[in-house]
Amino acid sequence: MLFFPIQQELDCISERGVIVGKIIFDDTRGKHIFYQPDAVELTAVDQVAINERLSGLDTGLYGIPMQDDD
């Protein structure tokens, strides 16, 4: 699973090269969530990688790089 930063989000790209969803920060919940605009089937390995990244983002282990548009 590749996590590619776009603005304040992370695109989640499977090993097959398919964008399976995005990790975004949900202000109302105060934590990161996995958002899937389209129904793309996830493998067990993909789901484990996404869950680990979500946990790491919420604990501060990982971050999402800020993009400077200037």
PDB file of N, CA and C in Angstrom:
ATOM      1  N   MET A   1       0.852  -1.162   0.000  1.00  0.00           N
ATOM      2  CA  MET A   1       0.000   0.000   0.000  1.00  0.00           C
ATOM      3  C   MET A   1       0.901   1.229   0.000  1.00  0.00           C
ATOM      4  N   LEU A   2       0.655   2.134  -0.912  1.00  0.00           N
ATOM      5  CA  LEU A   2       1.375   3.400  -1.007  1.00  0.00           C
ATOM      6  C   LEU A   2       0.453   4.502  -0.514  1.00  0.00           C
ATOM      7  N   PHE A   3       0.964   5.376   0.334  1.00  0.00           N
ATOM      8  CA  PHE A   3       0.195   6.512   0.833  1.00  0.00           C
ATOM      9  C   PHE A   3       0.807   7.772   0.242  1.00  0.00           C
ATOM     10  N   PHE A   4       0.075   8.438  -0.645  1.00  0.00           N
ATOM     11  CA  PHE A   4       0.593   9.583  -1.383  1.00  0.00           C
ATOM     12  C   PHE A   4      -0.128  10.844  -0.948  1.00  0.00           C
ATOM     13  N   PRO A   5       0.605  11.851  -0.425  1.00  0.00           N
ATOM     14  CA  PRO A   5      -0.051  13.063   0.077  1.00  0.00           C
ATOM     15  C   PRO A   5      -0.570  13.964  -1.042  1.00  0.00           C
ATOM     16  N   ILE A   6      -1.820  14.380  -0.910  1.00  0.00           N
ATOM     17  CA  ILE A   6      -2.453  15.358  -1.789  1.00  0.00           C
ATOM     18  C   ILE A   6      -3.172  16.355  -0.884  1.00  0.00           C
ATOM     19  N   GLN A   7      -2.671  17.605  -0.858  1.00  0.00           N
ATOM     20  CA  GLN A   7      -3.200  18.642   0.030  1.00  0.00           C
ATOM     21  C   GLN A   7      -3.206  18.120   1.469  1.00  0.00           C
ATOM     22  N   GLN A   8      -4.346  18.032   2.113  1.00  0.00           N
ATOM     23  CA  GLN A   8      -4.449  17.579   3.503  1.00  0.00           C
ATOM     24  C   GLN A   8      -4.921  16.131   3.588  1.00  0.00           C
ATOM     25  N   GLU A   9      -4.773  15.379   2.505  1.00  0.00           N
ATOM     26  CA  GLU A   9      -5.265  14.013   2.450  1.00  0.00           C
ATOM     27  C   GLU A   9      -4.146  13.073   2.001  1.00  0.00           C
ATOM     28  N   LEU A  10      -4.382  11.790   2.196  1.00  0.00           N
ATOM     29  CA  LEU A  10      -3.477  10.767   1.675  1.00  0.00           C
ATOM     30  C   LEU A  10      -4.263   9.876   0.722  1.00  0.00           C
ATOM     31  N   ASP A  11      -3.842   9.803  -0.535  1.00  0.00           N
ATOM     32  CA  ASP A  11      -4.402   8.810  -1.442  1.00  0.00           C
ATOM     33  C   ASP A  11      -3.848   7.456  -1.047  1.00  0.00           C
ATOM     34  N   CYS A  12      -4.691   6.460  -0.992  1.00  0.00           N
ATOM     35  CA  CYS A  12      -4.278   5.094  -0.670  1.00  0.00           C
ATOM     36  C   CYS A  12      -4.250   4.313  -1.973  1.00  0.00           C
ATOM     37  N   ILE A  13      -3.056   3.922  -2.394  1.00  0.00           N
ATOM     38  CA  ILE A  13      -2.867   3.260  -3.674  1.00  0.00           C
ATOM     39  C   ILE A  13      -2.429   1.815  -3.422  1.00  0.00           C
ATOM     40  N   SER A  14      -3.189   0.885  -3.964  1.00  0.00           N
ATOM     41  CA  SER A  14      -2.900  -0.535  -3.751  1.00  0.00           C
ATOM     42  C   SER A  14      -1.658  -0.948  -4.528  1.00  0.00           C
ATOM     43  N   GLU A  15      -1.189  -2.156  -4.261  1.00  0.00           N
ATOM     44  CA  GLU A  15      -0.038  -2.692  -4.973  1.00  0.00           C
ATOM     45  C   GLU A  15      -0.340  -2.893  -6.455  1.00  0.00           C
ATOM     46  N   ARG A  16      -1.620  -2.938  -6.805  1.00  0.00           N
ATOM     47  CA  ARG A  16      -2.029  -3.054  -8.202  1.00  0.00           C
ATOM     48  C   ARG A  16      -2.049  -1.686  -8.894  1.00  0.00           C
ATOM     49  N   GLY A  17      -1.762  -0.617  -8.148  1.00  0.00           N
ATOM     50  CA  GLY A  17      -1.743   0.731  -8.710  1.00  0.00           C
ATOM     51  C   GLY A  17      -3.091   1.407  -8.761  1.00  0.00           C
ATOM     52  N   VAL A  18      -4.063   0.893  -8.027  1.00  0.00           N
ATOM     53  CA  VAL A  18      -5.426   1.424  -8.011  1.00  0.00           C
ATOM     54  C   VAL A  18      -5.621   2.285  -6.760  1.00  0.00           C
ATOM     55  N   ILE A  19      -6.157   3.494  -6.938  1.00  0.00           N
ATOM     56  CA  ILE A  19      -6.503   4.318  -5.773  1.00  0.00           C
ATOM     57  C   ILE A  19      -7.756   3.716  -5.150  1.00  0.00           C
ATOM     58  N   VAL A  20      -7.617   3.208  -3.934  1.00  0.00           N
ATOM     59  CA  VAL A  20      -8.726   2.520  -3.269  1.00  0.00           C
ATOM     60  C   VAL A  20      -9.493   3.431  -2.330  1.00  0.00           C
ATOM     61  N   GLY A  21      -8.964   4.635  -2.068  1.00  0.00           N
ATOM     62  CA  GLY A  21      -9.637   5.580  -1.187  1.00  0.00           C
ATOM     63  C   GLY A  21      -8.671   6.633  -0.705  1.00  0.00           C
ATOM     64  N   LYS A  22      -9.127   7.404   0.277  1.00  0.00           N
ATOM     65  CA  LYS A  22      -8.328   8.486   0.844  1.00  0.00           C
ATOM     66  C   LYS A  22      -8.393   8.429   2.364  1.00  0.00           C
ATOM     67  N   ILE A  23      -7.325   8.875   2.985  1.00  0.00           N
ATOM     68  CA  ILE A  23      -7.351   9.089   4.430  1.00  0.00           C
ATOM     69  C   ILE A  23      -7.469  10.589   4.621  1.00  0.00           C
ATOM     70  N   ILE A  24      -8.497  10.977   5.357  1.00  0.00           N
ATOM     71  CA  ILE A  24      -8.754  12.394   5.612  1.00  0.00           C
ATOM     72  C   ILE A  24      -8.943  12.594   7.110  1.00  0.00           C
ATOM     73  N   PHE A  25      -8.806  13.854   7.547  1.00  0.00           N
ATOM     74  CA  PHE A  25      -9.060  14.162   8.959  1.00  0.00           C
ATOM     75  C   PHE A  25     -10.497  14.619   9.089  1.00  0.00           C
ATOM     76  N   ASP A  26     -11.244  13.977   9.975  1.00  0.00           N
ATOM     77  CA  ASP A  26     -12.644  14.320  10.231  1.00  0.00           C
ATOM     78  C   ASP A  26     -12.693  15.229  11.455  1.00  0.00           C
ATOM     79  N   ASP A  27     -12.952  16.520  11.222  1.00  0.00           N
ATOM     80  CA  ASP A  27     -12.992  17.495  12.321  1.00  0.00           C
ATOM     81  C   ASP A  27     -14.054  17.161  13.356  1.00  0.00           C
ATOM     82  N   THR A  28     -15.197  16.644  12.923  1.00  0.00           N
ATOM     83  CA  THR A  28     -16.275  16.360  13.875  1.00  0.00           C
ATOM     84  C   THR A  28     -15.923  15.229  14.827  1.00  0.00           C
ATOM     85  N   ARG A  29     -15.134  14.265  14.356  1.00  0.00           N
ATOM     86  CA  ARG A  29     -14.715  13.143  15.199  1.00  0.00           C
ATOM     87  C   ARG A  29     -13.366  13.385  15.859  1.00  0.00           C
ATOM     88  N   GLY A  30     -12.586  14.311  15.300  1.00  0.00           N
ATOM     89  CA  GLY A  30     -11.261  14.597  15.843  1.00  0.00           C
ATOM     90  C   GLY A  30     -10.249  13.507  15.566  1.00  0.00           C
ATOM     91  N   LYS A  31     -10.437  12.766  14.457  1.00  0.00           N
ATOM     92  CA  LYS A  31      -9.495  11.716  14.111  1.00  0.00           C
ATOM     93  C   LYS A  31      -9.504  11.495  12.605  1.00  0.00           C
ATOM     94  N   HIS A  32      -8.529  10.732  12.140  1.00  0.00           N
ATOM     95  CA  HIS A  32      -8.423  10.412  10.724  1.00  0.00           C
ATOM     96  C   HIS A  32      -9.367   9.267  10.380  1.00  0.00           C
ATOM     97  N   ILE A  33      -9.928   9.324   9.174  1.00  0.00           N
ATOM     98  CA  ILE A  33     -10.829   8.271   8.713  1.00  0.00           C
ATOM     99  C   ILE A  33     -10.436   7.858   7.302  1.00  0.00           C
ATOM    100  N   PHE A  34     -10.843   6.660   6.924  1.00  0.00           N
ATOM    101  CA  PHE A  34     -10.655   6.166   5.568  1.00  0.00           C
ATOM    102  C   PHE A  34     -11.937   6.430   4.806  1.00  0.00           C
ATOM    103  N   TYR A  35     -11.816   7.125   3.671  1.00  0.00           N
ATOM    104  CA  TYR A  35     -12.964   7.508   2.863  1.00  0.00           C
ATOM    105  C   TYR A  35     -12.843   6.840   1.501  1.00  0.00           C
ATOM    106  N   GLN A  36     -13.890   6.142   1.097  1.00  0.00           N
ATOM    107  CA  GLN A  36     -13.931   5.471  -0.191  1.00  0.00           C
ATOM    108  C   GLN A  36     -15.086   6.023  -1.012  1.00  0.00           C
ATOM    109  N   PRO A  37     -14.800   6.953  -1.957  1.00  0.00           N
ATOM    110  CA  PRO A  37     -15.893   7.482  -2.769  1.00  0.00           C
ATOM    111  C   PRO A  37     -16.500   6.434  -3.696  1.00  0.00           C
ATOM    112  N   ASP A  38     -15.695   5.482  -4.131  1.00  0.00           N
ATOM    113  CA  ASP A  38     -16.165   4.394  -4.992  1.00  0.00           C
ATOM    114  C   ASP A  38     -15.950   3.074  -4.265  1.00  0.00           C
ATOM    115  N   ALA A  39     -16.838   2.146  -4.523  1.00  0.00           N
ATOM    116  CA  ALA A  39     -16.717   0.830  -3.881  1.00  0.00           C
ATOM    117  C   ALA A  39     -15.612   0.035  -4.559  1.00  0.00           C
ATOM    118  N   VAL A  40     -14.440   0.033  -3.943  1.00  0.00           N
ATOM    119  CA  VAL A  40     -13.300  -0.743  -4.434  1.00  0.00           C
ATOM    120  C   VAL A  40     -13.004  -1.801  -3.382  1.00  0.00           C
ATOM    121  N   GLU A  41     -12.917  -3.038  -3.825  1.00  0.00           N
ATOM    122  CA  GLU A  41     -12.666  -4.134  -2.890  1.00  0.00           C
ATOM    123  C   GLU A  41     -11.232  -4.061  -2.365  1.00  0.00           C
ATOM    124  N   LEU A  42     -11.106  -4.188  -1.051  1.00  0.00           N
ATOM    125  CA  LEU A  42      -9.797  -4.168  -0.399  1.00  0.00           C
ATOM    126  C   LEU A  42      -9.370  -5.582  -0.050  1.00  0.00           C
ATOM    127  N   THR A  43      -8.086  -5.853  -0.235  1.00  0.00           N
ATOM    128  CA  THR A  43      -7.559  -7.128   0.242  1.00  0.00           C
ATOM    129  C   THR A  43      -7.345  -7.014   1.750  1.00  0.00           C
ATOM    130  N   ALA A  44      -7.155  -8.135   2.403  1.00  0.00           N
ATOM    131  CA  ALA A  44      -6.885  -8.128   3.840  1.00  0.00           C
ATOM    132  C   ALA A  44      -5.593  -7.364   4.133  1.00  0.00           C
ATOM    133  N   VAL A  45      -4.592  -7.514   3.269  1.00  0.00           N
ATOM    134  CA  VAL A  45      -3.310  -6.821   3.449  1.00  0.00           C
ATOM    135  C   VAL A  45      -3.517  -5.308   3.331  1.00  0.00           C
ATOM    136  N   ASP A  46      -4.314  -4.883   2.339  1.00  0.00           N
ATOM    137  CA  ASP A  46      -4.611  -3.457   2.181  1.00  0.00           C
ATOM    138  C   ASP A  46      -5.304  -2.900   3.425  1.00  0.00           C
ATOM    139  N   GLN A  47      -6.278  -3.624   3.936  1.00  0.00           N
ATOM    140  CA  GLN A  47      -7.036  -3.156   5.099  1.00  0.00           C
ATOM    141  C   GLN A  47      -6.137  -3.040   6.326  1.00  0.00           C
ATOM    142  N   VAL A  48      -5.240  -3.989   6.515  1.00  0.00           N
ATOM    143  CA  VAL A  48      -4.310  -3.927   7.643  1.00  0.00           C
ATOM    144  C   VAL A  48      -3.405  -2.701   7.516  1.00  0.00           C
ATOM    145  N   ALA A  49      -2.896  -2.440   6.313  1.00  0.00           N
ATOM    146  CA  ALA A  49      -2.016  -1.292   6.087  1.00  0.00           C
ATOM    147  C   ALA A  49      -2.756   0.025   6.343  1.00  0.00           C
ATOM    148  N   ILE A  50      -4.003   0.108   5.905  1.00  0.00           N
ATOM    149  CA  ILE A  50      -4.799   1.320   6.120  1.00  0.00           C
ATOM    150  C   ILE A  50      -5.077   1.512   7.607  1.00  0.00           C
ATOM    151  N   ASN A  51      -5.467   0.459   8.294  1.00  0.00           N
ATOM    152  CA  ASN A  51      -5.735   0.553   9.735  1.00  0.00           C
ATOM    153  C   ASN A  51      -4.489   0.977  10.507  1.00  0.00           C
ATOM    154  N   GLU A  52      -3.329   0.439  10.115  1.00  0.00           N
ATOM    155  CA  GLU A  52      -2.081   0.795  10.791  1.00  0.00           C
ATOM    156  C   GLU A  52      -1.745   2.265  10.549  1.00  0.00           C
ATOM    157  N   ARG A  53      -1.972   2.740   9.331  1.00  0.00           N
ATOM    158  CA  ARG A  53      -1.684   4.152   9.025  1.00  0.00           C
ATOM    159  C   ARG A  53      -2.649   5.074   9.770  1.00  0.00           C
ATOM    160  N   LEU A  54      -3.929   4.715   9.831  1.00  0.00           N
ATOM    161  CA  LEU A  54      -4.902   5.520  10.582  1.00  0.00           C
ATOM    162  C   LEU A  54      -4.495   5.629  12.045  1.00  0.00           C
ATOM    163  N   SER A  55      -4.133   4.505  12.637  1.00  0.00           N
ATOM    164  CA  SER A  55      -3.713   4.493  14.032  1.00  0.00           C
ATOM    165  C   SER A  55      -2.464   5.346  14.230  1.00  0.00           C
ATOM    166  N   GLY A  56      -1.496   5.192  13.328  1.00  0.00           N
ATOM    167  CA  GLY A  56      -0.259   5.960  13.423  1.00  0.00           C
ATOM    168  C   GLY A  56      -0.462   7.457  13.251  1.00  0.00           C
ATOM    169  N   LEU A  57      -1.394   7.852  12.389  1.00  0.00           N
ATOM    170  CA  LEU A  57      -1.693   9.278  12.210  1.00  0.00           C
ATOM    171  C   LEU A  57      -2.315   9.860  13.478  1.00  0.00           C
ATOM    172  N   ASP A  58      -3.235   9.119  14.069  1.00  0.00           N
ATOM    173  CA  ASP A  58      -3.923   9.620  15.273  1.00  0.00           C
ATOM    174  C   ASP A  58      -3.018   9.653  16.496  1.00  0.00           C
ATOM    175  N   THR A  59      -1.986   8.804  16.533  1.00  0.00           N
ATOM    176  CA  THR A  59      -1.073   8.805  17.680  1.00  0.00           C
ATOM    177  C   THR A  59       0.145   9.694  17.461  1.00  0.00           C
ATOM    178  N   GLY A  60       0.297  10.214  16.241  1.00  0.00           N
ATOM    179  CA  GLY A  60       1.433  11.086  15.956  1.00  0.00           C
ATOM    180  C   GLY A  60       2.650  10.356  15.402  1.00  0.00           C
ATOM    181  N   LEU A  61       2.543   9.044  15.209  1.00  0.00           N
ATOM    182  CA  LEU A  61       3.643   8.280  14.632  1.00  0.00           C
ATOM    183  C   LEU A  61       3.907   8.720  13.194  1.00  0.00           C
ATOM    184  N   TYR A  62       2.832   8.998  12.460  1.00  0.00           N
ATOM    185  CA  TYR A  62       2.915   9.477  11.078  1.00  0.00           C
ATOM    186  C   TYR A  62       2.302  10.866  10.995  1.00  0.00           C
ATOM    187  N   GLY A  63       2.630  11.558   9.923  1.00  0.00           N
ATOM    188  CA  GLY A  63       2.036  12.857   9.651  1.00  0.00           C
ATOM    189  C   GLY A  63       1.708  12.960   8.168  1.00  0.00           C
ATOM    190  N   ILE A  64       0.959  13.977   7.817  1.00  0.00           N
ATOM    191  CA  ILE A  64       0.664  14.268   6.421  1.00  0.00           C
ATOM    192  C   ILE A  64       1.418  15.548   6.087  1.00  0.00           C
ATOM    193  N   PRO A  65       2.360  15.462   5.153  1.00  0.00           N
ATOM    194  CA  PRO A  65       3.156  16.664   4.814  1.00  0.00           C
ATOM    195  C   PRO A  65       2.253  17.791   4.317  1.00  0.00           C
ATOM    196  N   MET A  66       2.589  18.994   4.734  1.00  0.00           N
ATOM    197  CA  MET A  66       1.848  20.166   4.283  1.00  0.00           C
ATOM    198  C   MET A  66       2.320  20.525   2.880  1.00  0.00           C
ATOM    199  N   GLN A  67       1.411  20.983   2.046  1.00  0.00           N
ATOM    200  CA  GLN A  67       1.755  21.399   0.691  1.00  0.00           C
ATOM    201  C   GLN A  67       1.793  22.907   0.637  1.00  0.00           C
ATOM    202  N   ASP A  68       2.885  23.454   0.099  1.00  0.00           N
ATOM    203  CA  ASP A  68       3.046  24.897  -0.018  1.00  0.00           C
ATOM    204  C   ASP A  68       2.714  25.298  -1.453  1.00  0.00           C
ATOM    205  N   ASP A  69       1.600  25.982  -1.631  1.00  0.00           N
ATOM    206  CA  ASP A  69       1.169  26.382  -2.961  1.00  0.00           C
ATOM    207  C   ASP A  69       1.781  27.679  -3.441  1.00  0.00           C
ATOM    208  N   ASP A  70       2.605  28.302  -2.607  1.00  0.00           N
ATOM    209  CA  ASP A  70       3.205  29.596  -2.998  1.00  0.00           C
ATOM    210  C   ASP A  70       4.367  29.418  -3.922  1.00  0.00           C
TER     211      ASP A  70
END
